[in-house]
Amino acid sequence: MPVARRRMEWQVGGMTGRAGSVGAGRGFLLVAVGERQNRAASVAIGALRARGNALPVALVTDGTGQGSGADIVERIEAEPYGCRNVPAFLPRSPFAETVFLAHDMVAFGQLDPVFDLLAVYDIAAAHAADHTGLADPAVPEAFYPFDAAVIAYRSTPAVLACLAAWHERLVDAMEQDPDDPLHHAGHASLRRVLWQHRLAVAVLPPEYNYRAELAGFLRGKAALVHAAGLPAGDIARTLNRSDGPRVFAPFGGAAVAANPWAGFATAGGSFAFGRLG
């Protein structure tokens, strides 16, 4: 099904310009639909600034963007698929090099190393730790799905074509099976288009997209925590009490109800337990 293309305009310091004409350079992009997501996006932008990430932030929102801390704001109407339709906005970034962050992604470190990957690679994302992908005969089983919550990309014709194809494939999949959560996350459709478009893809380590609700592994300090409504600050303090290879149980939910220690780390063959907070 054809996907409607909308003219996007960005508000920059009181001025309006077509998407893609605002400027070049590097910047962050967030998308927030609804009051809850807009509140979370404001927290995410504040966390970027608090950790010294001074690059401009563009926010796509159905709100006003006032008080969000964003440097560039694009107002949109409510989306039929809400924030699940995020790929519609990625090709419209006003930056030459963009790091897209989910609205509830909280920074606890500098993100320049993510941008630096774009000197060599077209696009970068972490593996989707909780998805094996839908059965897809067009993609080798060993080509692992990618998590769509953090995506670094260059605004080249090849990358923009890939992102546009992702949007179209995701919308088609959601319309065919609107109740399938794998479609909503976008991992399966992103996997297919990345394989088809033959881009140079860098795999981000979990330090740059740590999923708090899943068991996980870290070697360095967590720089980006996908909190999923959990207390990101408390989680980051537990994650970053030490460095070196370490593993963690899921934070929150039934896992913590059964195990109040929440996160645990291994170091030198011994276990170091730490309560959340």
C-alpha atoms as a PDB file:
ATOM      1  CA  MET A   1       0.000   0.000   0.000  1.00  0.00           C
ATOM      2  CA  PRO A   2       1.411   3.428  -0.891  1.00  0.00           C
ATOM      3  CA  VAL A   3       2.499   5.468   2.118  1.00  0.00           C
ATOM      4  CA  ALA A   4       1.442   9.100   2.231  1.00  0.00           C
ATOM      5  CA  ARG A   5       4.356  11.544   2.287  1.00  0.00           C
ATOM      6  CA  ARG A   6       3.866  14.653   4.347  1.00  0.00           C
ATOM      7  CA  ARG A   7       5.669  17.962   4.006  1.00  0.00           C
ATOM      8  CA  MET A   8       7.663  18.431   7.177  1.00  0.00           C
ATOM      9  CA  GLU A   9       8.705  21.802   8.576  1.00  0.00           C
ATOM     10  CA  TRP A  10      11.062  22.357  11.451  1.00  0.00           C
ATOM     11  CA  GLN A  11      10.799  25.243  13.887  1.00  0.00           C
ATOM     12  CA  VAL A  12      14.262  26.628  14.580  1.00  0.00           C
ATOM     13  CA  GLY A  13      14.599  29.641  16.818  1.00  0.00           C
ATOM     14  CA  GLY A  14      11.234  30.951  15.679  1.00  0.00           C
ATOM     15  CA  MET A  15      11.975  30.348  11.984  1.00  0.00           C
ATOM     16  CA  THR A  16      10.464  27.639   9.814  1.00  0.00           C
ATOM     17  CA  GLY A  17      12.236  25.685   7.086  1.00  0.00           C
ATOM     18  CA  ARG A  18      11.727  22.521   5.096  1.00  0.00           C
ATOM     19  CA  ALA A  19      13.193  19.380   6.598  1.00  0.00           C
ATOM     20  CA  GLY A  20      16.661  18.752   5.259  1.00  0.00           C
ATOM     21  CA  SER A  21      17.302  22.467   4.629  1.00  0.00           C
ATOM     22  CA  VAL A  22      17.948  23.562   8.225  1.00  0.00           C
ATOM     23  CA  GLY A  23      21.626  22.706   8.309  1.00  0.00           C
ATOM     24  CA  ALA A  24      24.266  20.026   8.185  1.00  0.00           C
ATOM     25  CA  GLY A  25      26.524  18.609  10.870  1.00  0.00           C
ATOM     26  CA  ARG A  26      25.510  16.270  13.666  1.00  0.00           C
ATOM     27  CA  GLY A  27      22.489  16.136  15.919  1.00  0.00           C
ATOM     28  CA  PHE A  28      20.026  14.024  17.858  1.00  0.00           C
ATOM     29  CA  LEU A  29      16.471  13.171  16.793  1.00  0.00           C
ATOM     30  CA  LEU A  30      13.603  12.119  19.094  1.00  0.00           C
ATOM     31  CA  VAL A  31       9.942  11.416  18.310  1.00  0.00           C
ATOM     32  CA  ALA A  32       7.227  11.743  20.974  1.00  0.00           C
ATOM     33  CA  VAL A  33       3.489  11.151  20.534  1.00  0.00           C
ATOM     34  CA  GLY A  34       1.131  11.665  23.458  1.00  0.00           C
ATOM     35  CA  GLU A  35       1.594  13.265  26.864  1.00  0.00           C
ATOM     36  CA  ARG A  36       3.516  10.382  28.437  1.00  0.00           C
ATOM     37  CA  GLN A  37       6.043  10.164  25.613  1.00  0.00           C
ATOM     38  CA  ASN A  38       6.503  13.928  25.532  1.00  0.00           C
ATOM     39  CA  ARG A  39       7.296  13.937  29.255  1.00  0.00           C
ATOM     40  CA  ALA A  40       9.790  11.132  28.750  1.00  0.00           C
ATOM     41  CA  ALA A  41      11.391  12.958  25.809  1.00  0.00           C
ATOM     42  CA  SER A  42      11.925  16.049  27.975  1.00  0.00           C
ATOM     43  CA  VAL A  43      13.719  13.852  30.528  1.00  0.00           C
ATOM     44  CA  ALA A  44      15.796  12.270  27.760  1.00  0.00           C
ATOM     45  CA  ILE A  45      16.854  15.659  26.365  1.00  0.00           C
ATOM     46  CA  GLY A  46      17.715  16.901  29.845  1.00  0.00           C
ATOM     47  CA  ALA A  47      19.864  13.815  30.412  1.00  0.00           C
ATOM     48  CA  LEU A  48      21.731  14.427  27.146  1.00  0.00           C
ATOM     49  CA  ARG A  49      22.570  17.955  28.277  1.00  0.00           C
ATOM     50  CA  ALA A  50      23.478  16.887  31.816  1.00  0.00           C
ATOM     51  CA  ARG A  51      26.088  14.480  30.400  1.00  0.00           C
ATOM     52  CA  GLY A  52      27.710  17.115  28.205  1.00  0.00           C
ATOM     53  CA  ASN A  53      26.119  16.140  24.880  1.00  0.00           C
ATOM     54  CA  ALA A  54      25.910  19.632  23.418  1.00  0.00           C
ATOM     55  CA  LEU A  55      24.901  18.819  19.837  1.00  0.00           C
ATOM     56  CA  PRO A  56      21.503  20.158  18.715  1.00  0.00           C
ATOM     57  CA  VAL A  57      18.384  18.101  19.411  1.00  0.00           C
ATOM     58  CA  ALA A  58      15.440  17.881  16.995  1.00  0.00           C
ATOM     59  CA  LEU A  59      12.089  16.776  18.413  1.00  0.00           C
ATOM     60  CA  VAL A  60       9.133  15.533  16.369  1.00  0.00           C
ATOM     61  CA  THR A  61       6.048  15.926  18.548  1.00  0.00           C
ATOM     62  CA  ASP A  62       2.284  16.242  18.561  1.00  0.00           C
ATOM     63  CA  GLY A  63       2.703  18.698  21.438  1.00  0.00           C
ATOM     64  CA  THR A  64       4.175  22.176  21.480  1.00  0.00           C
ATOM     65  CA  GLY A  65       7.728  21.167  22.342  1.00  0.00           C
ATOM     66  CA  GLN A  66       7.853  24.023  24.863  1.00  0.00           C
ATOM     67  CA  GLY A  67       9.943  23.159  27.894  1.00  0.00           C
ATOM     68  CA  SER A  68      11.367  20.061  26.214  1.00  0.00           C
ATOM     69  CA  GLY A  69      14.837  21.533  25.810  1.00  0.00           C
ATOM     70  CA  ALA A  70      14.849  20.731  22.088  1.00  0.00           C
ATOM     71  CA  ASP A  71      16.627  23.130  19.748  1.00  0.00           C
ATOM     72  CA  ILE A  72      14.473  22.240  16.725  1.00  0.00           C
ATOM     73  CA  VAL A  73      10.796  21.246  16.929  1.00  0.00           C
ATOM     74  CA  GLU A  74       8.524  19.704  14.295  1.00  0.00           C
ATOM     75  CA  ARG A  75       4.797  19.720  15.081  1.00  0.00           C
ATOM     76  CA  ILE A  76       2.776  16.809  13.704  1.00  0.00           C
ATOM     77  CA  GLU A  77      -0.784  15.614  13.928  1.00  0.00           C
ATOM     78  CA  ALA A  78      -1.540  12.399  15.807  1.00  0.00           C
ATOM     79  CA  GLU A  79      -0.199   9.413  13.878  1.00  0.00           C
ATOM     80  CA  PRO A  80      -2.494   6.469  13.086  1.00  0.00           C
ATOM     81  CA  TYR A  81       0.126   4.113  14.497  1.00  0.00           C
ATOM     82  CA  GLY A  82       1.479   6.504  17.106  1.00  0.00           C
ATOM     83  CA  CYS A  83       5.172   6.258  17.868  1.00  0.00           C
ATOM     84  CA  ARG A  84       5.324   2.884  16.110  1.00  0.00           C
ATOM     85  CA  ASN A  85       5.510   4.912  12.899  1.00  0.00           C
ATOM     86  CA  VAL A  86       8.854   6.462  13.879  1.00  0.00           C
ATOM     87  CA  PRO A  87      10.561   5.383  10.603  1.00  0.00           C
ATOM     88  CA  ALA A  88       8.414   7.945   8.777  1.00  0.00           C
ATOM     89  CA  PHE A  89      10.484  10.711  10.347  1.00  0.00           C
ATOM     90  CA  LEU A  90      14.031   9.387  10.223  1.00  0.00           C
ATOM     91  CA  PRO A  91      14.623  10.305   6.552  1.00  0.00           C
ATOM     92  CA  ARG A  92      13.522  13.880   7.335  1.00  0.00           C
ATOM     93  CA  SER A  93      16.268  14.609   9.868  1.00  0.00           C
ATOM     94  CA  PRO A  94      17.696  18.142   9.528  1.00  0.00           C
ATOM     95  CA  PHE A  95      21.198  16.780  10.143  1.00  0.00           C
ATOM     96  CA  ALA A  96      23.793  15.188   7.878  1.00  0.00           C
ATOM     97  CA  GLU A  97      24.630  12.739  10.666  1.00  0.00           C
ATOM     98  CA  THR A  98      21.888  11.790  13.114  1.00  0.00           C
ATOM     99  CA  VAL A  99      21.568   9.700  16.236  1.00  0.00           C
ATOM    100  CA  PHE A 100      17.919   8.794  16.695  1.00  0.00           C
ATOM    101  CA  LEU A 101      16.942   8.004  20.293  1.00  0.00           C
ATOM    102  CA  ALA A 102      13.701   6.492  21.550  1.00  0.00           C
ATOM    103  CA  HIS A 103      11.758   8.940  23.699  1.00  0.00           C
ATOM    104  CA  ASP A 104      12.544   6.924  26.877  1.00  0.00           C
ATOM    105  CA  MET A 105      16.265   6.454  26.191  1.00  0.00           C
ATOM    106  CA  VAL A 106      18.275   8.094  28.998  1.00  0.00           C
ATOM    107  CA  ALA A 107      21.917   9.121  28.538  1.00  0.00           C
ATOM    108  CA  PHE A 108      24.546   8.519  31.203  1.00  0.00           C
ATOM    109  CA  GLY A 109      27.622   9.296  29.133  1.00  0.00           C
ATOM    110  CA  GLN A 110      29.084  11.005  26.079  1.00  0.00           C
ATOM    111  CA  LEU A 111      27.698   9.849  22.734  1.00  0.00           C
ATOM    112  CA  ASP A 112      30.403  11.208  20.416  1.00  0.00           C
ATOM    113  CA  PRO A 113      31.744   7.644  19.887  1.00  0.00           C
ATOM    114  CA  VAL A 114      28.413   6.692  18.270  1.00  0.00           C
ATOM    115  CA  PHE A 115      28.628   9.577  15.800  1.00  0.00           C
ATOM    116  CA  ASP A 116      32.264   8.699  15.086  1.00  0.00           C
ATOM    117  CA  LEU A 117      31.176   5.346  13.628  1.00  0.00           C
ATOM    118  CA  LEU A 118      29.583   7.263  10.758  1.00  0.00           C
ATOM    119  CA  ALA A 119      33.017   8.199   9.432  1.00  0.00           C
ATOM    120  CA  VAL A 120      33.192   4.622   8.125  1.00  0.00           C
ATOM    121  CA  TYR A 121      29.702   3.101   8.386  1.00  0.00           C
ATOM    122  CA  ASP A 122      26.359   4.126   6.880  1.00  0.00           C
ATOM    123  CA  ILE A 123      24.214   3.162   9.856  1.00  0.00           C
ATOM    124  CA  ALA A 124      24.680   1.756  13.356  1.00  0.00           C
ATOM    125  CA  ALA A 125      22.355   0.027  15.816  1.00  0.00           C
ATOM    126  CA  ALA A 126      22.516  -2.551  18.598  1.00  0.00           C
ATOM    127  CA  HIS A 127      21.258  -6.091  18.241  1.00  0.00           C
ATOM    128  CA  ALA A 128      17.692  -6.692  19.436  1.00  0.00           C
ATOM    129  CA  ALA A 129      18.338  -8.841  22.481  1.00  0.00           C
ATOM    130  CA  ASP A 130      14.749 -10.046  22.850  1.00  0.00           C
ATOM    131  CA  HIS A 131      13.832 -10.696  19.213  1.00  0.00           C
ATOM    132  CA  THR A 132      14.854 -13.502  16.895  1.00  0.00           C
ATOM    133  CA  GLY A 133      12.850 -11.933  14.064  1.00  0.00           C
ATOM    134  CA  LEU A 134       9.938 -13.220  12.073  1.00  0.00           C
ATOM    135  CA  ALA A 135      10.624 -16.124   9.749  1.00  0.00           C
ATOM    136  CA  ASP A 136      11.923 -14.480   6.588  1.00  0.00           C
ATOM    137  CA  PRO A 137      13.291 -16.641   3.778  1.00  0.00           C
ATOM    138  CA  ALA A 138      14.837 -13.569   2.152  1.00  0.00           C
ATOM    139  CA  VAL A 139      17.243 -13.017   5.084  1.00  0.00           C
ATOM    140  CA  PRO A 140      19.833 -15.497   6.425  1.00  0.00           C
ATOM    141  CA  GLU A 141      19.041 -16.715   9.924  1.00  0.00           C
ATOM    142  CA  ALA A 142      22.497 -15.571  11.093  1.00  0.00           C
ATOM    143  CA  PHE A 143      21.716 -11.936  10.191  1.00  0.00           C
ATOM    144  CA  TYR A 144      20.491 -10.863  13.603  1.00  0.00           C
ATOM    145  CA  PRO A 145      17.651  -8.328  14.096  1.00  0.00           C
ATOM    146  CA  PHE A 146      18.554  -4.816  15.196  1.00  0.00           C
ATOM    147  CA  ASP A 147      16.950  -2.784  17.961  1.00  0.00           C
ATOM    148  CA  ALA A 148      15.304   0.386  16.679  1.00  0.00           C
ATOM    149  CA  ALA A 149      15.613   2.416  19.903  1.00  0.00           C
ATOM    150  CA  VAL A 150      19.055   3.842  18.989  1.00  0.00           C
ATOM    151  CA  ILE A 151      19.988   4.323  15.332  1.00  0.00           C
ATOM    152  CA  ALA A 152      22.917   6.372  14.069  1.00  0.00           C
ATOM    153  CA  TYR A 153      22.832   7.127  10.358  1.00  0.00           C
ATOM    154  CA  ARG A 154      24.155   9.342   7.588  1.00  0.00           C
ATOM    155  CA  SER A 155      21.719  11.224   5.372  1.00  0.00           C
ATOM    156  CA  THR A 156      23.079   9.831   2.125  1.00  0.00           C
ATOM    157  CA  PRO A 157      20.796   8.799  -0.756  1.00  0.00           C
ATOM    158  CA  ALA A 158      21.451   5.097  -0.075  1.00  0.00           C
ATOM    159  CA  VAL A 159      20.627   5.371   3.631  1.00  0.00           C
ATOM    160  CA  LEU A 160      17.550   7.543   3.067  1.00  0.00           C
ATOM    161  CA  ALA A 161      16.246   5.042   0.517  1.00  0.00           C
ATOM    162  CA  CYS A 162      16.712   2.250   3.061  1.00  0.00           C
ATOM    163  CA  LEU A 163      14.894   4.195   5.784  1.00  0.00           C
ATOM    164  CA  ALA A 164      12.019   5.032   3.440  1.00  0.00           C
ATOM    165  CA  ALA A 165      11.737   1.356   2.490  1.00  0.00           C
ATOM    166  CA  TRP A 166      11.685   0.428   6.189  1.00  0.00           C
ATOM    167  CA  HIS A 167       8.783   2.826   6.746  1.00  0.00           C
ATOM    168  CA  GLU A 168       6.789   1.405   3.856  1.00  0.00           C
ATOM    169  CA  ARG A 169       7.434  -2.205   4.876  1.00  0.00           C
ATOM    170  CA  LEU A 170       6.538  -1.534   8.518  1.00  0.00           C
ATOM    171  CA  VAL A 171       3.267   0.201   7.643  1.00  0.00           C
ATOM    172  CA  ASP A 172       2.317  -2.633   5.298  1.00  0.00           C
ATOM    173  CA  ALA A 173       3.075  -5.203   8.023  1.00  0.00           C
ATOM    174  CA  MET A 174       1.068  -3.331  10.670  1.00  0.00           C
ATOM    175  CA  GLU A 175      -1.907  -3.000   8.361  1.00  0.00           C
ATOM    176  CA  GLN A 176      -1.826  -6.726   7.580  1.00  0.00           C
ATOM    177  CA  ASP A 177      -1.456  -7.771  11.237  1.00  0.00           C
ATOM    178  CA  PRO A 178      -1.996  -4.784  13.570  1.00  0.00           C
ATOM    179  CA  ASP A 179      -1.899  -6.908  16.743  1.00  0.00           C
ATOM    180  CA  ASP A 180       1.545  -8.417  16.194  1.00  0.00           C
ATOM    181  CA  PRO A 181       3.996  -6.702  18.603  1.00  0.00           C
ATOM    182  CA  LEU A 182       6.995  -7.761  16.496  1.00  0.00           C
ATOM    183  CA  HIS A 183       5.720  -5.554  13.705  1.00  0.00           C
ATOM    184  CA  HIS A 184       5.130  -2.686  16.103  1.00  0.00           C
ATOM    185  CA  ALA A 185       8.718  -2.736  17.303  1.00  0.00           C
ATOM    186  CA  GLY A 186       9.952  -2.590  13.712  1.00  0.00           C
ATOM    187  CA  HIS A 187      12.806  -5.044  14.240  1.00  0.00           C
ATOM    188  CA  ALA A 188      11.678  -7.583  11.644  1.00  0.00           C
ATOM    189  CA  SER A 189      11.087  -5.020   8.907  1.00  0.00           C
ATOM    190  CA  LEU A 190      14.348  -3.195   9.705  1.00  0.00           C
ATOM    191  CA  ARG A 191      16.227  -6.493   9.451  1.00  0.00           C
ATOM    192  CA  ARG A 192      14.815  -7.148   5.979  1.00  0.00           C
ATOM    193  CA  VAL A 193      15.617  -3.717   4.524  1.00  0.00           C
ATOM    194  CA  LEU A 194      19.130  -3.598   5.986  1.00  0.00           C
ATOM    195  CA  TRP A 195      19.861  -6.918   4.312  1.00  0.00           C
ATOM    196  CA  GLN A 196      18.318  -5.866   1.009  1.00  0.00           C
ATOM    197  CA  HIS A 197      20.012  -2.469   0.783  1.00  0.00           C
ATOM    198  CA  ARG A 198      23.530  -3.728   1.514  1.00  0.00           C
ATOM    199  CA  LEU A 199      24.520  -0.810   3.708  1.00  0.00           C
ATOM    200  CA  ALA A 200      27.667  -0.798   5.826  1.00  0.00           C
ATOM    201  CA  VAL A 201      26.162  -1.543   9.256  1.00  0.00           C
ATOM    202  CA  ALA A 202      28.015  -1.140  12.551  1.00  0.00           C
ATOM    203  CA  VAL A 203      26.754  -3.070  15.573  1.00  0.00           C
ATOM    204  CA  LEU A 204      26.546  -0.932  18.697  1.00  0.00           C
ATOM    205  CA  PRO A 205      27.640  -2.628  21.928  1.00  0.00           C
ATOM    206  CA  PRO A 206      25.085  -2.874  24.757  1.00  0.00           C
ATOM    207  CA  GLU A 207      26.735   0.087  26.492  1.00  0.00           C
ATOM    208  CA  TYR A 208      24.944   2.263  23.924  1.00  0.00           C
ATOM    209  CA  ASN A 209      21.506   0.661  24.202  1.00  0.00           C
ATOM    210  CA  TYR A 210      21.128  -1.184  27.483  1.00  0.00           C
ATOM    211  CA  ARG A 211      17.655  -2.740  27.806  1.00  0.00           C
ATOM    212  CA  ALA A 212      16.847  -2.481  31.519  1.00  0.00           C
ATOM    213  CA  GLU A 213      13.929  -4.935  31.434  1.00  0.00           C
ATOM    214  CA  LEU A 214      16.100  -7.741  30.004  1.00  0.00           C
ATOM    215  CA  ALA A 215      19.043  -9.716  31.304  1.00  0.00           C
ATOM    216  CA  GLY A 216      22.170  -8.125  29.883  1.00  0.00           C
ATOM    217  CA  PHE A 217      25.946  -7.942  29.602  1.00  0.00           C
ATOM    218  CA  LEU A 218      28.280  -4.961  29.906  1.00  0.00           C
ATOM    219  CA  ARG A 219      32.026  -4.516  29.655  1.00  0.00           C
ATOM    220  CA  GLY A 220      32.248  -0.725  30.010  1.00  0.00           C
ATOM    221  CA  LYS A 221      29.965   1.873  31.580  1.00  0.00           C
ATOM    222  CA  ALA A 222      26.413   2.087  30.262  1.00  0.00           C
ATOM    223  CA  ALA A 223      26.098   5.329  28.272  1.00  0.00           C
ATOM    224  CA  LEU A 224      22.473   4.848  27.150  1.00  0.00           C
ATOM    225  CA  VAL A 225      19.808   3.056  29.185  1.00  0.00           C
ATOM    226  CA  HIS A 226      16.439   2.160  27.684  1.00  0.00           C
ATOM    227  CA  ALA A 227      14.523   2.448  30.926  1.00  0.00           C
ATOM    228  CA  ALA A 228      11.058   1.414  29.651  1.00  0.00           C
ATOM    229  CA  GLY A 229       9.370   3.289  32.504  1.00  0.00           C
ATOM    230  CA  LEU A 230      11.773   1.995  35.175  1.00  0.00           C
ATOM    231  CA  PRO A 231      13.909   4.330  37.354  1.00  0.00           C
ATOM    232  CA  ALA A 232      16.805   4.968  34.964  1.00  0.00           C
ATOM    233  CA  GLY A 233      19.009   6.749  37.496  1.00  0.00           C
ATOM    234  CA  ASP A 234      18.856   3.903  40.014  1.00  0.00           C
ATOM    235  CA  ILE A 235      19.433   1.348  37.269  1.00  0.00           C
ATOM    236  CA  ALA A 236      22.447   3.233  35.893  1.00  0.00           C
ATOM    237  CA  ARG A 237      24.010   3.464  39.359  1.00  0.00           C
ATOM    238  CA  THR A 238      23.737  -0.316  39.682  1.00  0.00           C
ATOM    239  CA  LEU A 239      25.051  -0.937  36.162  1.00  0.00           C
ATOM    240  CA  ASN A 240      27.987   1.464  36.494  1.00  0.00           C
ATOM    241  CA  ARG A 241      29.234   0.650  39.984  1.00  0.00           C
ATOM    242  CA  SER A 242      32.129  -1.132  38.305  1.00  0.00           C
ATOM    243  CA  ASP A 243      33.457  -1.890  34.850  1.00  0.00           C
ATOM    244  CA  GLY A 244      34.870  -4.994  33.250  1.00  0.00           C
ATOM    245  CA  PRO A 245      32.811  -7.978  32.038  1.00  0.00           C
ATOM    246  CA  ARG A 246      29.627  -8.363  34.079  1.00  0.00           C
ATOM    247  CA  VAL A 247      26.086  -9.648  33.647  1.00  0.00           C
ATOM    248  CA  PHE A 248      22.782  -8.449  35.071  1.00  0.00           C
ATOM    249  CA  ALA A 249      19.377  -9.906  35.788  1.00  0.00           C
ATOM    250  CA  PRO A 250      16.372  -7.961  34.464  1.00  0.00           C
ATOM    251  CA  PHE A 251      15.342  -4.851  36.373  1.00  0.00           C
ATOM    252  CA  GLY A 252      11.682  -4.543  37.310  1.00  0.00           C
ATOM    253  CA  GLY A 253       8.715  -6.815  36.758  1.00  0.00           C
ATOM    254  CA  ALA A 254       8.382 -10.383  37.937  1.00  0.00           C
ATOM    255  CA  ALA A 255      12.135 -10.957  37.944  1.00  0.00           C
ATOM    256  CA  VAL A 256      12.698  -8.363  40.657  1.00  0.00           C
ATOM    257  CA  ALA A 257       9.620  -9.442  42.587  1.00  0.00           C
ATOM    258  CA  ALA A 258      11.182 -12.906  42.786  1.00  0.00           C
ATOM    259  CA  ASN A 259      14.738 -11.615  43.240  1.00  0.00           C
ATOM    260  CA  PRO A 260      15.060  -8.347  45.195  1.00  0.00           C
ATOM    261  CA  TRP A 261      18.743  -8.098  44.283  1.00  0.00           C
ATOM    262  CA  ALA A 262      17.603  -6.945  40.813  1.00  0.00           C
ATOM    263  CA  GLY A 263      21.014  -6.677  39.153  1.00  0.00           C
ATOM    264  CA  PHE A 264      24.143  -8.752  39.689  1.00  0.00           C
ATOM    265  CA  ALA A 265      27.642  -8.521  38.273  1.00  0.00           C
ATOM    266  CA  THR A 266      30.460 -11.002  37.814  1.00  0.00           C
ATOM    267  CA  ALA A 267      34.055  -9.935  38.267  1.00  0.00           C
ATOM    268  CA  GLY A 268      37.110 -12.156  38.570  1.00  0.00           C
ATOM    269  CA  GLY A 269      34.967 -15.251  38.910  1.00  0.00           C
ATOM    270  CA  SER A 270      33.038 -13.948  41.925  1.00  0.00           C
ATOM    271  CA  PHE A 271      29.540 -12.489  42.144  1.00  0.00           C
ATOM    272  CA  ALA A 272      29.037  -8.929  43.364  1.00  0.00           C
ATOM    273  CA  PHE A 273      25.373  -8.315  44.234  1.00  0.00           C
ATOM    274  CA  GLY A 274      23.812  -4.886  44.440  1.00  0.00           C
ATOM    275  CA  ARG A 275      20.308  -3.766  45.257  1.00  0.00           C
ATOM    276  CA  LEU A 276      18.570  -1.374  42.883  1.00  0.00           C
ATOM    277  CA  GLY A 277      19.285   2.212  43.890  1.00  0.00           C
END
